[in-house]
Amino acid sequence: MTDLSVPAYPGLVIFDCDGVLVDSEPLSIGVLVDHIARAGGDVSTALAYEAFLGRSMATIRELLRESHAVDFSDDHMEAIRVDMRQRFTDELTPIPGIRDALLSLKRPFCVASSSQPDRIRLSLGVTGLLDLFEPNIFSSTMVKRGKPFPDLFLHAASQMGVEPSDCIVVEDSPAGIQAAQSAGMKVLGFAGGAHAELGGLLKAFERLQPDAVFTDMRQLPDLLKTIKAPHAF
C-alpha cells in the first residue's frame, strides 16, 4: 500500500542549458544582435530577448527572415557560430550553485537544449559540467520541431526511458516552458541568470504559470521535493 504521506518525486529532471546551467544568454544575445546589424537589420537587445530567447538558431533565422527582413546566409551563420564559440570560451560561467545542486540530486537528469550538440558540449565543458551530463545530452537538431513545441522534451524522456508525466523540466525561457507544458511535464521557471531582468522572465512566468518559480539554484533540491509526479521511483 502506498504511503500517501511520502511525496512521489519526478523520475527525471530535464535541464535546459542556456540560462539554466550556464549564464550564456547575455553573450548569445550580444553576438546575435551584432550580427543582425552587420546583415543590415535593426533589432534591439530587448526585442531579441523577447523574440528569440530559448529558440534554436534555425528558428531564429526563419523569424528574422519573416519578421525583420534579415536573411542570414550560410556564411553569416558560420560567422555567428565562430564568434559565439570564442565568446563562450573566453567569458562563459556556470550558473552559481548549479554544480552542487546537480551533485545533490538523487534521481536521473539530462540536458535538452535548443543549441546544437557541439555548442552544448562546449558550454558544459568550459563551465566544468560536462562530466555530470555526458552522454545524456539532447539537442533540438534531433527532432523535427524545436521549442515551443514539445518534441525535444518528449525525445529526451523517451531516450531516458521515463514517462513524460514523471518528468520535471527546469527552464528559463517562455518557449521552453510552453514546450514542457505541451509535453505534459511539470516545469520550474528559473529566473536567476544575468538576463532575467532584461529578458522580463518574471513577467513572462506570471503569464505562463509554471509549477514553481525560483531565482537561486541552491533552492532546487528542496524545491524538487515539493513537486509530485504520478509514479514514485
C-alpha atoms as a PDB file:
ATOM      1  CA  MET A   1       0.000   0.000   0.000  1.00  0.00           C
ATOM      2  CA  THR A   2       1.342   3.432  -0.938  1.00  0.00           C
ATOM      3  CA  ASP A   3       2.158   5.771   1.921  1.00  0.00           C
ATOM      4  CA  LEU A   4       0.388   8.970   0.873  1.00  0.00           C
ATOM      5  CA  SER A   5       2.431  10.988   3.367  1.00  0.00           C
ATOM      6  CA  VAL A   6       5.549  10.421   1.250  1.00  0.00           C
ATOM      7  CA  PRO A   7       5.672  12.637  -1.867  1.00  0.00           C
ATOM      8  CA  ALA A   8       6.112  10.872  -5.206  1.00  0.00           C
ATOM      9  CA  TYR A   9       9.105  12.607  -6.795  1.00  0.00           C
ATOM     10  CA  PRO A  10       9.572  13.076 -10.534  1.00  0.00           C
ATOM     11  CA  GLY A  11      11.563  10.279 -12.146  1.00  0.00           C
ATOM     12  CA  LEU A  12      13.663  12.521 -14.420  1.00  0.00           C
ATOM     13  CA  VAL A  13      14.824  16.121 -14.256  1.00  0.00           C
ATOM     14  CA  ILE A  14      15.379  17.721 -17.671  1.00  0.00           C
ATOM     15  CA  PHE A  15      17.502  20.857 -17.703  1.00  0.00           C
ATOM     16  CA  ASP A  16      17.634  23.489 -20.382  1.00  0.00           C
ATOM     17  CA  CYS A  17      21.230  24.608 -20.878  1.00  0.00           C
ATOM     18  CA  ASP A  18      21.475  28.307 -21.741  1.00  0.00           C
ATOM     19  CA  GLY A  19      20.361  30.460 -18.831  1.00  0.00           C
ATOM     20  CA  VAL A  20      19.785  27.448 -16.564  1.00  0.00           C
ATOM     21  CA  LEU A  21      23.086  25.561 -16.397  1.00  0.00           C
ATOM     22  CA  VAL A  22      25.327  28.248 -17.890  1.00  0.00           C
ATOM     23  CA  ASP A  23      24.990  32.029 -17.802  1.00  0.00           C
ATOM     24  CA  SER A  24      25.183  32.361 -21.556  1.00  0.00           C
ATOM     25  CA  GLU A  25      22.188  34.394 -22.661  1.00  0.00           C
ATOM     26  CA  PRO A  26      23.792  37.871 -22.473  1.00  0.00           C
ATOM     27  CA  LEU A  27      26.715  36.558 -24.545  1.00  0.00           C
ATOM     28  CA  SER A  28      24.455  34.844 -27.097  1.00  0.00           C
ATOM     29  CA  ILE A  29      22.093  37.777 -27.489  1.00  0.00           C
ATOM     30  CA  GLY A  30      25.018  40.192 -27.779  1.00  0.00           C
ATOM     31  CA  VAL A  31      26.579  38.204 -30.614  1.00  0.00           C
ATOM     32  CA  LEU A  32      23.215  37.777 -32.354  1.00  0.00           C
ATOM     33  CA  VAL A  33      22.275  41.473 -32.201  1.00  0.00           C
ATOM     34  CA  ASP A  34      25.725  42.413 -33.509  1.00  0.00           C
ATOM     35  CA  HIS A  35      25.415  40.081 -36.498  1.00  0.00           C
ATOM     36  CA  ILE A  36      21.871  41.235 -37.261  1.00  0.00           C
ATOM     37  CA  ALA A  37      23.235  44.771 -37.517  1.00  0.00           C
ATOM     38  CA  ARG A  38      26.071  43.579 -39.780  1.00  0.00           C
ATOM     39  CA  ALA A  39      23.457  41.990 -42.038  1.00  0.00           C
ATOM     40  CA  GLY A  40      21.574  45.284 -42.313  1.00  0.00           C
ATOM     41  CA  GLY A  41      18.893  44.647 -39.695  1.00  0.00           C
ATOM     42  CA  ASP A  42      17.849  46.644 -36.665  1.00  0.00           C
ATOM     43  CA  VAL A  43      16.791  44.550 -33.665  1.00  0.00           C
ATOM     44  CA  SER A  44      17.249  45.909 -30.154  1.00  0.00           C
ATOM     45  CA  THR A  45      18.620  43.790 -27.340  1.00  0.00           C
ATOM     46  CA  ALA A  46      15.257  43.949 -25.557  1.00  0.00           C
ATOM     47  CA  LEU A  47      13.398  42.748 -28.645  1.00  0.00           C
ATOM     48  CA  ALA A  48      15.947  39.996 -29.214  1.00  0.00           C
ATOM     49  CA  TYR A  49      15.305  38.663 -25.717  1.00  0.00           C
ATOM     50  CA  GLU A  50      11.556  38.801 -26.252  1.00  0.00           C
ATOM     51  CA  ALA A  51      11.540  37.160 -29.678  1.00  0.00           C
ATOM     52  CA  PHE A  52      14.475  34.746 -29.645  1.00  0.00           C
ATOM     53  CA  LEU A  53      15.126  33.550 -26.080  1.00  0.00           C
ATOM     54  CA  GLY A  54      15.107  29.772 -25.875  1.00  0.00           C
ATOM     55  CA  ARG A  55      14.755  29.208 -29.614  1.00  0.00           C
ATOM     56  CA  SER A  56      17.087  27.363 -31.959  1.00  0.00           C
ATOM     57  CA  MET A  57      19.229  29.221 -34.480  1.00  0.00           C
ATOM     58  CA  ALA A  58      17.217  27.594 -37.270  1.00  0.00           C
ATOM     59  CA  THR A  59      14.031  29.095 -35.821  1.00  0.00           C
ATOM     60  CA  ILE A  60      15.700  32.456 -35.210  1.00  0.00           C
ATOM     61  CA  ARG A  61      16.923  32.505 -38.791  1.00  0.00           C
ATOM     62  CA  GLU A  62      13.372  31.909 -40.018  1.00  0.00           C
ATOM     63  CA  LEU A  63      11.880  34.553 -37.712  1.00  0.00           C
ATOM     64  CA  LEU A  64      14.442  37.117 -38.854  1.00  0.00           C
ATOM     65  CA  ARG A  65      13.629  36.406 -42.470  1.00  0.00           C
ATOM     66  CA  GLU A  66       9.862  36.598 -41.979  1.00  0.00           C
ATOM     67  CA  SER A  67       9.555  39.462 -39.492  1.00  0.00           C
ATOM     68  CA  HIS A  68      12.683  41.609 -39.843  1.00  0.00           C
ATOM     69  CA  ALA A  69      13.724  41.259 -43.499  1.00  0.00           C
ATOM     70  CA  VAL A  70      17.099  39.859 -42.415  1.00  0.00           C
ATOM     71  CA  ASP A  71      18.237  36.869 -44.433  1.00  0.00           C
ATOM     72  CA  PHE A  72      21.237  35.204 -42.836  1.00  0.00           C
ATOM     73  CA  SER A  73      23.348  33.366 -45.405  1.00  0.00           C
ATOM     74  CA  ASP A  74      25.223  30.193 -44.554  1.00  0.00           C
ATOM     75  CA  ASP A  75      28.347  32.353 -44.244  1.00  0.00           C
ATOM     76  CA  HIS A  76      26.544  34.567 -41.725  1.00  0.00           C
ATOM     77  CA  MET A  77      25.528  31.503 -39.713  1.00  0.00           C
ATOM     78  CA  GLU A  78      29.091  30.183 -39.641  1.00  0.00           C
ATOM     79  CA  ALA A  79      30.431  33.588 -38.569  1.00  0.00           C
ATOM     80  CA  ILE A  80      27.909  33.649 -35.707  1.00  0.00           C
ATOM     81  CA  ARG A  81      28.981  30.172 -34.602  1.00  0.00           C
ATOM     82  CA  VAL A  82      32.660  31.175 -34.664  1.00  0.00           C
ATOM     83  CA  ASP A  83      32.051  34.360 -32.659  1.00  0.00           C
ATOM     84  CA  MET A  84      29.796  32.530 -30.211  1.00  0.00           C
ATOM     85  CA  ARG A  85      32.368  29.818 -29.570  1.00  0.00           C
ATOM     86  CA  GLN A  86      35.046  32.437 -28.910  1.00  0.00           C
ATOM     87  CA  ARG A  87      32.862  34.447 -26.521  1.00  0.00           C
ATOM     88  CA  PHE A  88      31.888  31.283 -24.651  1.00  0.00           C
ATOM     89  CA  THR A  89      35.471  30.060 -24.404  1.00  0.00           C
ATOM     90  CA  ASP A  90      36.640  33.421 -23.068  1.00  0.00           C
ATOM     91  CA  GLU A  91      33.735  34.511 -20.865  1.00  0.00           C
ATOM     92  CA  LEU A  92      31.169  31.805 -20.109  1.00  0.00           C
ATOM     93  CA  THR A  93      30.473  30.936 -16.468  1.00  0.00           C
ATOM     94  CA  PRO A  94      28.166  28.393 -14.826  1.00  0.00           C
ATOM     95  CA  ILE A  95      25.005  29.484 -13.081  1.00  0.00           C
ATOM     96  CA  PRO A  96      26.045  29.984  -9.432  1.00  0.00           C
ATOM     97  CA  GLY A  97      25.342  26.920  -7.308  1.00  0.00           C
ATOM     98  CA  ILE A  98      24.444  24.626 -10.201  1.00  0.00           C
ATOM     99  CA  ARG A  99      27.176  22.001  -9.755  1.00  0.00           C
ATOM    100  CA  ASP A 100      26.401  21.473  -6.076  1.00  0.00           C
ATOM    101  CA  ALA A 101      22.684  21.308  -6.888  1.00  0.00           C
ATOM    102  CA  LEU A 102      23.292  18.643  -9.538  1.00  0.00           C
ATOM    103  CA  LEU A 103      25.536  16.601  -7.266  1.00  0.00           C
ATOM    104  CA  SER A 104      22.845  16.599  -4.591  1.00  0.00           C
ATOM    105  CA  LEU A 105      20.157  15.131  -6.864  1.00  0.00           C
ATOM    106  CA  LYS A 106      19.266  11.528  -6.125  1.00  0.00           C
ATOM    107  CA  ARG A 107      17.468  10.985  -9.426  1.00  0.00           C
ATOM    108  CA  PRO A 108      18.368  10.838 -13.116  1.00  0.00           C
ATOM    109  CA  PHE A 109      18.829  14.088 -15.021  1.00  0.00           C
ATOM    110  CA  CYS A 110      19.736  15.194 -18.525  1.00  0.00           C
ATOM    111  CA  VAL A 111      20.002  18.329 -20.660  1.00  0.00           C
ATOM    112  CA  ALA A 112      17.672  19.218 -23.544  1.00  0.00           C
ATOM    113  CA  SER A 113      18.644  22.419 -25.327  1.00  0.00           C
ATOM    114  CA  SER A 114      17.806  24.362 -28.468  1.00  0.00           C
ATOM    115  CA  SER A 115      21.531  24.684 -29.146  1.00  0.00           C
ATOM    116  CA  GLN A 116      23.480  22.360 -31.414  1.00  0.00           C
ATOM    117  CA  PRO A 117      25.244  19.409 -29.736  1.00  0.00           C
ATOM    118  CA  ASP A 118      28.744  20.845 -30.177  1.00  0.00           C
ATOM    119  CA  ARG A 119      27.715  24.124 -28.566  1.00  0.00           C
ATOM    120  CA  ILE A 120      26.030  22.332 -25.652  1.00  0.00           C
ATOM    121  CA  ARG A 121      29.190  20.321 -25.035  1.00  0.00           C
ATOM    122  CA  LEU A 122      31.364  23.435 -25.356  1.00  0.00           C
ATOM    123  CA  SER A 123      29.185  25.266 -22.828  1.00  0.00           C
ATOM    124  CA  LEU A 124      29.223  22.393 -20.360  1.00  0.00           C
ATOM    125  CA  GLY A 125      32.932  21.754 -20.902  1.00  0.00           C
ATOM    126  CA  VAL A 126      34.007  25.366 -20.370  1.00  0.00           C
ATOM    127  CA  THR A 127      31.969  25.544 -17.152  1.00  0.00           C
ATOM    128  CA  GLY A 128      33.070  22.183 -15.747  1.00  0.00           C
ATOM    129  CA  LEU A 129      29.672  20.477 -16.000  1.00  0.00           C
ATOM    130  CA  LEU A 130      30.147  18.124 -18.939  1.00  0.00           C
ATOM    131  CA  ASP A 131      31.125  15.133 -16.812  1.00  0.00           C
ATOM    132  CA  LEU A 132      27.796  15.315 -14.982  1.00  0.00           C
ATOM    133  CA  PHE A 133      25.688  15.075 -18.158  1.00  0.00           C
ATOM    134  CA  GLU A 134      27.555  13.043 -20.751  1.00  0.00           C
ATOM    135  CA  PRO A 135      26.130  11.130 -22.623  1.00  0.00           C
ATOM    136  CA  ASN A 136      22.614  12.349 -21.733  1.00  0.00           C
ATOM    137  CA  ILE A 137      22.692  15.439 -23.955  1.00  0.00           C
ATOM    138  CA  PHE A 138      19.766  16.169 -26.272  1.00  0.00           C
ATOM    139  CA  SER A 139      19.548  18.910 -28.905  1.00  0.00           C
ATOM    140  CA  SER A 140      16.738  20.383 -30.989  1.00  0.00           C
ATOM    141  CA  THR A 141      18.691  19.127 -34.020  1.00  0.00           C
ATOM    142  CA  MET A 142      17.500  15.642 -33.020  1.00  0.00           C
ATOM    143  CA  VAL A 143      13.808  16.429 -33.569  1.00  0.00           C
ATOM    144  CA  LYS A 144      11.654  17.930 -36.286  1.00  0.00           C
ATOM    145  CA  ARG A 145      10.345  20.893 -34.300  1.00  0.00           C
ATOM    146  CA  GLY A 146      12.123  22.932 -31.657  1.00  0.00           C
ATOM    147  CA  LYS A 147      10.705  24.754 -28.653  1.00  0.00           C
ATOM    148  CA  PRO A 148       7.921  25.869 -28.055  1.00  0.00           C
ATOM    149  CA  PHE A 149       6.839  22.503 -29.496  1.00  0.00           C
ATOM    150  CA  PRO A 150       7.175  19.545 -27.098  1.00  0.00           C
ATOM    151  CA  ASP A 151       9.218  17.331 -29.433  1.00  0.00           C
ATOM    152  CA  LEU A 152      12.622  17.800 -27.766  1.00  0.00           C
ATOM    153  CA  PHE A 153      11.425  17.108 -24.238  1.00  0.00           C
ATOM    154  CA  LEU A 154       9.436  14.088 -25.384  1.00  0.00           C
ATOM    155  CA  HIS A 155      12.512  12.796 -27.202  1.00  0.00           C
ATOM    156  CA  ALA A 156      14.656  13.226 -24.083  1.00  0.00           C
ATOM    157  CA  ALA A 157      12.129  11.399 -21.915  1.00  0.00           C
ATOM    158  CA  SER A 158      11.867   8.562 -24.429  1.00  0.00           C
ATOM    159  CA  GLN A 159      15.637   8.168 -24.667  1.00  0.00           C
ATOM    160  CA  MET A 160      15.936   8.170 -20.886  1.00  0.00           C
ATOM    161  CA  GLY A 161      13.132   5.603 -20.544  1.00  0.00           C
ATOM    162  CA  VAL A 162      10.828   7.795 -18.452  1.00  0.00           C
ATOM    163  CA  GLU A 163       7.170   8.681 -18.994  1.00  0.00           C
ATOM    164  CA  PRO A 164       6.553  12.395 -19.695  1.00  0.00           C
ATOM    165  CA  SER A 165       4.278  12.633 -16.663  1.00  0.00           C
ATOM    166  CA  ASP A 166       7.204  11.562 -14.467  1.00  0.00           C
ATOM    167  CA  CYS A 167       9.473  14.354 -15.725  1.00  0.00           C
ATOM    168  CA  ILE A 168      10.123  17.821 -14.433  1.00  0.00           C
ATOM    169  CA  VAL A 169      11.774  20.459 -16.622  1.00  0.00           C
ATOM    170  CA  VAL A 170      13.905  23.365 -15.409  1.00  0.00           C
ATOM    171  CA  GLU A 171      13.581  26.226 -17.890  1.00  0.00           C
ATOM    172  CA  ASP A 172      14.210  29.946 -18.148  1.00  0.00           C
ATOM    173  CA  SER A 173      12.529  30.806 -21.456  1.00  0.00           C
ATOM    174  CA  PRO A 174       8.849  31.227 -22.336  1.00  0.00           C
ATOM    175  CA  ALA A 175       9.355  28.931 -25.349  1.00  0.00           C
ATOM    176  CA  GLY A 176      10.837  26.247 -23.111  1.00  0.00           C
ATOM    177  CA  ILE A 177       8.072  26.494 -20.522  1.00  0.00           C
ATOM    178  CA  GLN A 178       5.444  26.181 -23.250  1.00  0.00           C
ATOM    179  CA  ALA A 179       7.252  23.145 -24.651  1.00  0.00           C
ATOM    180  CA  ALA A 180       7.339  21.424 -21.262  1.00  0.00           C
ATOM    181  CA  GLN A 181       3.691  22.135 -20.598  1.00  0.00           C
ATOM    182  CA  SER A 182       2.722  20.838 -24.045  1.00  0.00           C
ATOM    183  CA  ALA A 183       4.717  17.678 -23.306  1.00  0.00           C
ATOM    184  CA  GLY A 184       2.632  17.065 -20.186  1.00  0.00           C
ATOM    185  CA  MET A 185       5.571  17.642 -17.856  1.00  0.00           C
ATOM    186  CA  LYS A 186       5.932  19.648 -14.680  1.00  0.00           C
ATOM    187  CA  VAL A 187       8.095  22.722 -15.170  1.00  0.00           C
ATOM    188  CA  LEU A 188      10.057  25.047 -12.905  1.00  0.00           C
ATOM    189  CA  GLY A 189      10.767  28.571 -14.112  1.00  0.00           C
ATOM    190  CA  PHE A 190      14.302  29.709 -13.263  1.00  0.00           C
ATOM    191  CA  ALA A 191      14.908  33.459 -13.152  1.00  0.00           C
ATOM    192  CA  GLY A 192      18.389  33.607 -11.650  1.00  0.00           C
ATOM    193  CA  GLY A 193      20.514  34.191 -14.739  1.00  0.00           C
ATOM    194  CA  ALA A 194      22.145  37.501 -15.629  1.00  0.00           C
ATOM    195  CA  HIS A 195      19.482  38.070 -18.297  1.00  0.00           C
ATOM    196  CA  ALA A 196      16.469  37.630 -16.001  1.00  0.00           C
ATOM    197  CA  GLU A 197      15.551  41.303 -15.632  1.00  0.00           C
ATOM    198  CA  LEU A 198      16.234  42.436 -19.209  1.00  0.00           C
ATOM    199  CA  GLY A 199      14.568  39.291 -20.526  1.00  0.00           C
ATOM    200  CA  GLY A 200      11.434  40.020 -18.484  1.00  0.00           C
ATOM    201  CA  LEU A 201      11.380  36.465 -17.154  1.00  0.00           C
ATOM    202  CA  LEU A 202       9.288  37.012 -14.034  1.00  0.00           C
ATOM    203  CA  LYS A 203       6.608  38.821 -16.030  1.00  0.00           C
ATOM    204  CA  ALA A 204       6.577  36.017 -18.586  1.00  0.00           C
ATOM    205  CA  PHE A 205       6.333  33.431 -15.814  1.00  0.00           C
ATOM    206  CA  GLU A 206       3.276  35.199 -14.409  1.00  0.00           C
ATOM    207  CA  ARG A 207       1.580  34.711 -17.751  1.00  0.00           C
ATOM    208  CA  LEU A 208       2.657  31.119 -18.338  1.00  0.00           C
ATOM    209  CA  GLN A 209       2.198  29.831 -14.775  1.00  0.00           C
ATOM    210  CA  PRO A 210       4.951  27.207 -14.399  1.00  0.00           C
ATOM    211  CA  ASP A 211       4.559  24.887 -11.416  1.00  0.00           C
ATOM    212  CA  ALA A 212       7.047  26.955  -9.412  1.00  0.00           C
ATOM    213  CA  VAL A 213       9.426  29.883  -9.887  1.00  0.00           C
ATOM    214  CA  PHE A 214      12.848  30.271  -8.270  1.00  0.00           C
ATOM    215  CA  THR A 215      15.907  32.503  -8.559  1.00  0.00           C
ATOM    216  CA  ASP A 216      18.680  30.620  -6.732  1.00  0.00           C
ATOM    217  CA  MET A 217      19.959  27.176  -7.756  1.00  0.00           C
ATOM    218  CA  ARG A 218      20.613  26.358  -4.116  1.00  0.00           C
ATOM    219  CA  GLN A 219      16.822  26.175  -3.775  1.00  0.00           C
ATOM    220  CA  LEU A 220      16.459  23.469  -6.426  1.00  0.00           C
ATOM    221  CA  PRO A 221      16.967  20.242  -4.420  1.00  0.00           C
ATOM    222  CA  ASP A 222      14.370  21.212  -1.811  1.00  0.00           C
ATOM    223  CA  LEU A 223      12.033  22.631  -4.438  1.00  0.00           C
ATOM    224  CA  LEU A 224      12.027  19.371  -6.380  1.00  0.00           C
ATOM    225  CA  LYS A 225      10.802  17.550  -3.278  1.00  0.00           C
ATOM    226  CA  THR A 226       7.600  19.606  -3.362  1.00  0.00           C
ATOM    227  CA  ILE A 227       6.686  18.615  -6.925  1.00  0.00           C
ATOM    228  CA  LYS A 228       4.650  15.424  -7.042  1.00  0.00           C
ATOM    229  CA  ALA A 229       4.523  13.067 -10.010  1.00  0.00           C
ATOM    230  CA  PRO A 230       2.131  10.163 -10.662  1.00  0.00           C
ATOM    231  CA  HIS A 231       4.709   7.453 -10.010  1.00  0.00           C
ATOM    232  CA  ALA A 232       7.348   7.228  -7.322  1.00  0.00           C
ATOM    233  CA  PHE A 233      10.661   5.548  -8.076  1.00  0.00           C
END
